[in-house]
Amino acid sequence: MISETSAGDATRLEWFKSSYSDSSNSNECVEVATTPGAVHVRDSKNVKGPRLTFGPSAWAGFVSHAAEH
């Protein structure tokens, strides 16, 4: 996992929320953007703030783990 700020080409990323997000409280969600070789995650309340970047296998492992819990 790589922690990074929102500097750089963040404006070119296409961010989306999960279809499982609670639309009645849209402030409690993370947004995800994918690029070849990386998955970027940010807080939907602070889109210019820090974001996390994961490699594809690390992200797949996280999603698998989260789905089980």
PDB file of N, CA and C in Angstrom:
ATOM      1  N   MET A   1       0.840  -1.164   0.000  1.00  0.00           N
ATOM      2  CA  MET A   1       0.000   0.000   0.000  1.00  0.00           C
ATOM      3  C   MET A   1       0.888   1.230   0.000  1.00  0.00           C
ATOM      4  N   ILE A   2       0.510   2.220  -0.770  1.00  0.00           N
ATOM      5  CA  ILE A   2       1.245   3.477  -0.855  1.00  0.00           C
ATOM      6  C   ILE A   2       0.311   4.595  -0.425  1.00  0.00           C
ATOM      7  N   SER A   3       0.730   5.389   0.530  1.00  0.00           N
ATOM      8  CA  SER A   3      -0.057   6.541   0.940  1.00  0.00           C
ATOM      9  C   SER A   3       0.467   7.753   0.206  1.00  0.00           C
ATOM     10  N   GLU A   4      -0.412   8.532  -0.397  1.00  0.00           N
ATOM     11  CA  GLU A   4       0.036   9.708  -1.140  1.00  0.00           C
ATOM     12  C   GLU A   4      -0.992  10.818  -1.032  1.00  0.00           C
ATOM     13  N   THR A   5      -0.564  12.030  -1.294  1.00  0.00           N
ATOM     14  CA  THR A   5      -1.495  13.152  -1.279  1.00  0.00           C
ATOM     15  C   THR A   5      -2.178  13.240  -2.625  1.00  0.00           C
ATOM     16  N   SER A   6      -3.075  14.174  -2.765  1.00  0.00           N
ATOM     17  CA  SER A   6      -3.849  14.294  -4.000  1.00  0.00           C
ATOM     18  C   SER A   6      -3.114  15.082  -5.085  1.00  0.00           C
ATOM     19  N   ALA A   7      -1.870  15.407  -4.877  1.00  0.00           N
ATOM     20  CA  ALA A   7      -1.117  16.125  -5.907  1.00  0.00           C
ATOM     21  C   ALA A   7      -0.913  15.235  -7.129  1.00  0.00           C
ATOM     22  N   GLY A   8      -0.630  15.836  -8.238  1.00  0.00           N
ATOM     23  CA  GLY A   8      -0.371  15.062  -9.450  1.00  0.00           C
ATOM     24  C   GLY A   8      -1.570  15.043 -10.363  1.00  0.00           C
ATOM     25  N   ASP A   9      -1.750  13.931 -11.065  1.00  0.00           N
ATOM     26  CA  ASP A   9      -2.798  13.807 -12.068  1.00  0.00           C
ATOM     27  C   ASP A   9      -4.124  13.298 -11.513  1.00  0.00           C
ATOM     28  N   ALA A  10      -4.452  13.642 -10.275  1.00  0.00           N
ATOM     29  CA  ALA A  10      -5.699  13.163  -9.673  1.00  0.00           C
ATOM     30  C   ALA A  10      -6.923  13.629 -10.450  1.00  0.00           C
ATOM     31  N   THR A  11      -6.816  14.745 -11.147  1.00  0.00           N
ATOM     32  CA  THR A  11      -7.964  15.246 -11.897  1.00  0.00           C
ATOM     33  C   THR A  11      -8.292  14.351 -13.080  1.00  0.00           C
ATOM     34  N   ARG A  12      -7.352  13.563 -13.532  1.00  0.00           N
ATOM     35  CA  ARG A  12      -7.590  12.672 -14.671  1.00  0.00           C
ATOM     36  C   ARG A  12      -8.254  11.362 -14.272  1.00  0.00           C
ATOM     37  N   LEU A  13      -8.284  11.077 -12.973  1.00  0.00           N
ATOM     38  CA  LEU A  13      -8.895   9.840 -12.515  1.00  0.00           C
ATOM     39  C   LEU A  13     -10.413   9.959 -12.550  1.00  0.00           C
ATOM     40  N   GLU A  14     -11.071   8.855 -12.858  1.00  0.00           N
ATOM     41  CA  GLU A  14     -12.531   8.816 -12.853  1.00  0.00           C
ATOM     42  C   GLU A  14     -12.968   8.098 -11.583  1.00  0.00           C
ATOM     43  N   TRP A  15     -13.434   8.874 -10.614  1.00  0.00           N
ATOM     44  CA  TRP A  15     -13.807   8.359  -9.303  1.00  0.00           C
ATOM     45  C   TRP A  15     -15.252   7.869  -9.301  1.00  0.00           C
ATOM     46  N   PHE A  16     -15.517   6.797  -8.553  1.00  0.00           N
ATOM     47  CA  PHE A  16     -16.879   6.291  -8.413  1.00  0.00           C
ATOM     48  C   PHE A  16     -17.083   5.728  -7.019  1.00  0.00           C
ATOM     49  N   LYS A  17     -18.342   5.668  -6.617  1.00  0.00           N
ATOM     50  CA  LYS A  17     -18.724   5.073  -5.341  1.00  0.00           C
ATOM     51  C   LYS A  17     -19.357   3.715  -5.609  1.00  0.00           C
ATOM     52  N   SER A  18     -19.327   2.885  -4.620  1.00  0.00           N
ATOM     53  CA  SER A  18     -19.949   1.578  -4.723  1.00  0.00           C
ATOM     54  C   SER A  18     -21.447   1.705  -4.922  1.00  0.00           C
ATOM     55  N   SER A  19     -22.017   0.781  -5.656  1.00  0.00           N
ATOM     56  CA  SER A  19     -23.467   0.754  -5.810  1.00  0.00           C
ATOM     57  C   SER A  19     -24.143   0.391  -4.496  1.00  0.00           C
ATOM     58  N   TYR A  20     -23.377  -0.105  -3.521  1.00  0.00           N
ATOM     59  CA  TYR A  20     -23.907  -0.433  -2.202  1.00  0.00           C
ATOM     60  C   TYR A  20     -23.880   0.767  -1.254  1.00  0.00           C
ATOM     61  N   SER A  21     -23.366   1.914  -1.691  1.00  0.00           N
ATOM     62  CA  SER A  21     -23.320   3.093  -0.843  1.00  0.00           C
ATOM     63  C   SER A  21     -24.727   3.530  -0.458  1.00  0.00           C
ATOM     64  N   ASP A  22     -24.856   3.993   0.760  1.00  0.00           N
ATOM     65  CA  ASP A  22     -26.143   4.460   1.273  1.00  0.00           C
ATOM     66  C   ASP A  22     -26.428   5.840   0.706  1.00  0.00           C
ATOM     67  N   SER A  23     -27.356   5.947  -0.199  1.00  0.00           N
ATOM     68  CA  SER A  23     -27.647   7.231  -0.840  1.00  0.00           C
ATOM     69  C   SER A  23     -28.279   8.232   0.119  1.00  0.00           C
ATOM     70  N   SER A  24     -28.800   7.775   1.256  1.00  0.00           N
ATOM     71  CA  SER A  24     -29.393   8.707   2.213  1.00  0.00           C
ATOM     72  C   SER A  24     -28.333   9.453   3.010  1.00  0.00           C
ATOM     73  N   ASN A  25     -27.096   8.946   3.016  1.00  0.00           N
ATOM     74  CA  ASN A  25     -26.010   9.609   3.726  1.00  0.00           C
ATOM     75  C   ASN A  25     -24.752   9.506   2.882  1.00  0.00           C
ATOM     76  N   SER A  26     -24.677  10.272   1.830  1.00  0.00           N
ATOM     77  CA  SER A  26     -23.577  10.161   0.865  1.00  0.00           C
ATOM     78  C   SER A  26     -22.240  10.635   1.412  1.00  0.00           C
ATOM     79  N   ASN A  27     -22.220  11.228   2.606  1.00  0.00           N
ATOM     80  CA  ASN A  27     -20.961  11.700   3.179  1.00  0.00           C
ATOM     81  C   ASN A  27     -20.165  10.604   3.859  1.00  0.00           C
ATOM     82  N   GLU A  28     -20.716   9.434   3.989  1.00  0.00           N
ATOM     83  CA  GLU A  28     -20.008   8.343   4.650  1.00  0.00           C
ATOM     84  C   GLU A  28     -19.621   7.285   3.633  1.00  0.00           C
ATOM     85  N   CYS A  29     -18.711   7.640   2.766  1.00  0.00           N
ATOM     86  CA  CYS A  29     -18.341   6.735   1.688  1.00  0.00           C
ATOM     87  C   CYS A  29     -16.920   7.017   1.235  1.00  0.00           C
ATOM     88  N   VAL A  30     -16.327   6.029   0.654  1.00  0.00           N
ATOM     89  CA  VAL A  30     -15.064   6.239  -0.030  1.00  0.00           C
ATOM     90  C   VAL A  30     -15.336   6.171  -1.520  1.00  0.00           C
ATOM     91  N   GLU A  31     -14.448   6.764  -2.287  1.00  0.00           N
ATOM     92  CA  GLU A  31     -14.529   6.705  -3.743  1.00  0.00           C
ATOM     93  C   GLU A  31     -13.298   5.981  -4.253  1.00  0.00           C
ATOM     94  N   VAL A  32     -13.441   5.315  -5.375  1.00  0.00           N
ATOM     95  CA  VAL A  32     -12.378   4.508  -5.958  1.00  0.00           C
ATOM     96  C   VAL A  32     -12.170   4.928  -7.403  1.00  0.00           C
ATOM     97  N   ALA A  33     -10.910   4.948  -7.826  1.00  0.00           N
ATOM     98  CA  ALA A  33     -10.555   5.169  -9.231  1.00  0.00           C
ATOM     99  C   ALA A  33      -9.513   4.126  -9.600  1.00  0.00           C
ATOM    100  N   THR A  34      -9.647   3.559 -10.776  1.00  0.00           N
ATOM    101  CA  THR A  34      -8.692   2.538 -11.205  1.00  0.00           C
ATOM    102  C   THR A  34      -7.861   3.033 -12.376  1.00  0.00           C
ATOM    103  N   THR A  35      -6.629   2.578 -12.403  1.00  0.00           N
ATOM    104  CA  THR A  35      -5.716   2.806 -13.514  1.00  0.00           C
ATOM    105  C   THR A  35      -5.029   1.475 -13.782  1.00  0.00           C
ATOM    106  N   PRO A  36      -4.393   1.324 -14.907  1.00  0.00           N
ATOM    107  CA  PRO A  36      -3.657   0.079 -15.118  1.00  0.00           C
ATOM    108  C   PRO A  36      -2.564  -0.046 -14.045  1.00  0.00           C
ATOM    109  N   GLY A  37      -2.674  -1.052 -13.221  1.00  0.00           N
ATOM    110  CA  GLY A  37      -1.655  -1.291 -12.210  1.00  0.00           C
ATOM    111  C   GLY A  37      -1.889  -0.643 -10.863  1.00  0.00           C
ATOM    112  N   ALA A  38      -3.012   0.084 -10.658  1.00  0.00           N
ATOM    113  CA  ALA A  38      -3.248   0.720  -9.362  1.00  0.00           C
ATOM    114  C   ALA A  38      -4.732   0.967  -9.121  1.00  0.00           C
ATOM    115  N   VAL A  39      -5.100   0.942  -7.845  1.00  0.00           N
ATOM    116  CA  VAL A  39      -6.447   1.305  -7.417  1.00  0.00           C
ATOM    117  C   VAL A  39      -6.284   2.428  -6.397  1.00  0.00           C
ATOM    118  N   HIS A  40      -6.935   3.555  -6.637  1.00  0.00           N
ATOM    119  CA  HIS A  40      -6.833   4.731  -5.788  1.00  0.00           C
ATOM    120  C   HIS A  40      -8.107   4.847  -4.964  1.00  0.00           C
ATOM    121  N   VAL A  41      -7.964   5.204  -3.686  1.00  0.00           N
ATOM    122  CA  VAL A  41      -9.096   5.315  -2.771  1.00  0.00           C
ATOM    123  C   VAL A  41      -9.003   6.661  -2.063  1.00  0.00           C
ATOM    124  N   ARG A  42     -10.146   7.356  -1.963  1.00  0.00           N
ATOM    125  CA  ARG A  42     -10.175   8.637  -1.249  1.00  0.00           C
ATOM    126  C   ARG A  42     -11.476   8.761  -0.463  1.00  0.00           C
ATOM    127  N   ASP A  43     -11.481   9.685   0.476  1.00  0.00           N
ATOM    128  CA  ASP A  43     -12.660   9.991   1.288  1.00  0.00           C
ATOM    129  C   ASP A  43     -13.568  10.903   0.484  1.00  0.00           C
ATOM    130  N   SER A  44     -14.830  10.541   0.349  1.00  0.00           N
ATOM    131  CA  SER A  44     -15.749  11.346  -0.450  1.00  0.00           C
ATOM    132  C   SER A  44     -16.018  12.715   0.165  1.00  0.00           C
ATOM    133  N   LYS A  45     -15.762  12.874   1.457  1.00  0.00           N
ATOM    134  CA  LYS A  45     -15.957  14.168   2.114  1.00  0.00           C
ATOM    135  C   LYS A  45     -14.775  15.110   1.897  1.00  0.00           C
ATOM    136  N   ASN A  46     -13.632  14.563   1.493  1.00  0.00           N
ATOM    137  CA  ASN A  46     -12.409  15.352   1.364  1.00  0.00           C
ATOM    138  C   ASN A  46     -11.694  14.963   0.067  1.00  0.00           C
ATOM    139  N   VAL A  47     -12.284  15.306  -1.056  1.00  0.00           N
ATOM    140  CA  VAL A  47     -11.784  14.835  -2.350  1.00  0.00           C
ATOM    141  C   VAL A  47     -10.412  15.409  -2.702  1.00  0.00           C
ATOM    142  N   LYS A  48     -10.014  16.506  -2.095  1.00  0.00           N
ATOM    143  CA  LYS A  48      -8.687  17.063  -2.367  1.00  0.00           C
ATOM    144  C   LYS A  48      -7.663  16.622  -1.329  1.00  0.00           C
ATOM    145  N   GLY A  49      -8.095  15.840  -0.372  1.00  0.00           N
ATOM    146  CA  GLY A  49      -7.215  15.377   0.690  1.00  0.00           C
ATOM    147  C   GLY A  49      -6.390  14.173   0.276  1.00  0.00           C
ATOM    148  N   PRO A  50      -5.776  13.517   1.257  1.00  0.00           N
ATOM    149  CA  PRO A  50      -4.925  12.354   0.954  1.00  0.00           C
ATOM    150  C   PRO A  50      -5.721  11.204   0.352  1.00  0.00           C
ATOM    151  N   ARG A  51      -5.028  10.364  -0.363  1.00  0.00           N
ATOM    152  CA  ARG A  51      -5.657   9.157  -0.887  1.00  0.00           C
ATOM    153  C   ARG A  51      -4.677   8.004  -0.737  1.00  0.00           C
ATOM    154  N   LEU A  52      -5.182   6.818  -0.832  1.00  0.00           N
ATOM    155  CA  LEU A  52      -4.365   5.609  -0.765  1.00  0.00           C
ATOM    156  C   LEU A  52      -4.305   4.999  -2.145  1.00  0.00           C
ATOM    157  N   THR A  53      -3.185   4.375  -2.445  1.00  0.00           N
ATOM    158  CA  THR A  53      -3.031   3.681  -3.715  1.00  0.00           C
ATOM    159  C   THR A  53      -2.588   2.251  -3.430  1.00  0.00           C
ATOM    160  N   PHE A  54      -3.299   1.306  -4.011  1.00  0.00           N
ATOM    161  CA  PHE A  54      -3.021  -0.116  -3.825  1.00  0.00           C
ATOM    162  C   PHE A  54      -2.671  -0.750  -5.162  1.00  0.00           C
ATOM    163  N   GLY A  55      -1.827  -1.762  -5.122  1.00  0.00           N
ATOM    164  CA  GLY A  55      -1.618  -2.591  -6.295  1.00  0.00           C
ATOM    165  C   GLY A  55      -2.845  -3.466  -6.490  1.00  0.00           C
ATOM    166  N   PRO A  56      -3.061  -3.968  -7.698  1.00  0.00           N
ATOM    167  CA  PRO A  56      -4.260  -4.774  -7.973  1.00  0.00           C
ATOM    168  C   PRO A  56      -4.418  -5.993  -7.061  1.00  0.00           C
ATOM    169  N   SER A  57      -3.343  -6.711  -6.767  1.00  0.00           N
ATOM    170  CA  SER A  57      -3.478  -7.907  -5.926  1.00  0.00           C
ATOM    171  C   SER A  57      -3.781  -7.534  -4.482  1.00  0.00           C
ATOM    172  N   ALA A  58      -3.209  -6.443  -3.977  1.00  0.00           N
ATOM    173  CA  ALA A  58      -3.528  -5.990  -2.621  1.00  0.00           C
ATOM    174  C   ALA A  58      -4.988  -5.568  -2.528  1.00  0.00           C
ATOM    175  N   TRP A  59      -5.478  -4.867  -3.545  1.00  0.00           N
ATOM    176  CA  TRP A  59      -6.886  -4.437  -3.551  1.00  0.00           C
ATOM    177  C   TRP A  59      -7.814  -5.647  -3.610  1.00  0.00           C
ATOM    178  N   ALA A  60      -7.501  -6.603  -4.463  1.00  0.00           N
ATOM    179  CA  ALA A  60      -8.329  -7.806  -4.580  1.00  0.00           C
ATOM    180  C   ALA A  60      -8.370  -8.552  -3.241  1.00  0.00           C
ATOM    181  N   GLY A  61      -7.243  -8.628  -2.556  1.00  0.00           N
ATOM    182  CA  GLY A  61      -7.214  -9.264  -1.246  1.00  0.00           C
ATOM    183  C   GLY A  61      -8.068  -8.541  -0.232  1.00  0.00           C
ATOM    184  N   PHE A  62      -8.004  -7.206  -0.243  1.00  0.00           N
ATOM    185  CA  PHE A  62      -8.828  -6.405   0.661  1.00  0.00           C
ATOM    186  C   PHE A  62     -10.316  -6.611   0.377  1.00  0.00           C
ATOM    187  N   VAL A  63     -10.699  -6.532  -0.876  1.00  0.00           N
ATOM    188  CA  VAL A  63     -12.116  -6.677  -1.240  1.00  0.00           C
ATOM    189  C   VAL A  63     -12.616  -8.062  -0.849  1.00  0.00           C
ATOM    190  N   SER A  64     -11.808  -9.086  -1.067  1.00  0.00           N
ATOM    191  CA  SER A  64     -12.196 -10.447  -0.698  1.00  0.00           C
ATOM    192  C   SER A  64     -12.391 -10.550   0.804  1.00  0.00           C
ATOM    193  N   HIS A  65     -11.465 -10.002   1.555  1.00  0.00           N
ATOM    194  CA  HIS A  65     -11.553 -10.025   3.017  1.00  0.00           C
ATOM    195  C   HIS A  65     -12.778  -9.250   3.498  1.00  0.00           C
ATOM    196  N   ALA A  66     -12.990  -8.059   2.961  1.00  0.00           N
ATOM    197  CA  ALA A  66     -14.125  -7.221   3.375  1.00  0.00           C
ATOM    198  C   ALA A  66     -15.458  -7.900   3.062  1.00  0.00           C
ATOM    199  N   ALA A  67     -15.532  -8.609   1.949  1.00  0.00           N
ATOM    200  CA  ALA A  67     -16.777  -9.277   1.569  1.00  0.00           C
ATOM    201  C   ALA A  67     -17.140 -10.398   2.547  1.00  0.00           C
ATOM    202  N   GLU A  68     -16.130 -10.958   3.180  1.00  0.00           N
ATOM    203  CA  GLU A  68     -16.358 -12.061   4.114  1.00  0.00           C
ATOM    204  C   GLU A  68     -16.784 -11.569   5.497  1.00  0.00           C
ATOM    205  N   HIS A  69     -16.602 -10.279   5.770  1.00  0.00           N
ATOM    206  CA  HIS A  69     -16.869  -9.767   7.127  1.00  0.00           C
ATOM    207  C   HIS A  69     -17.965  -8.772   7.147  1.00  0.00           C
TER     208      HIS A  69
END
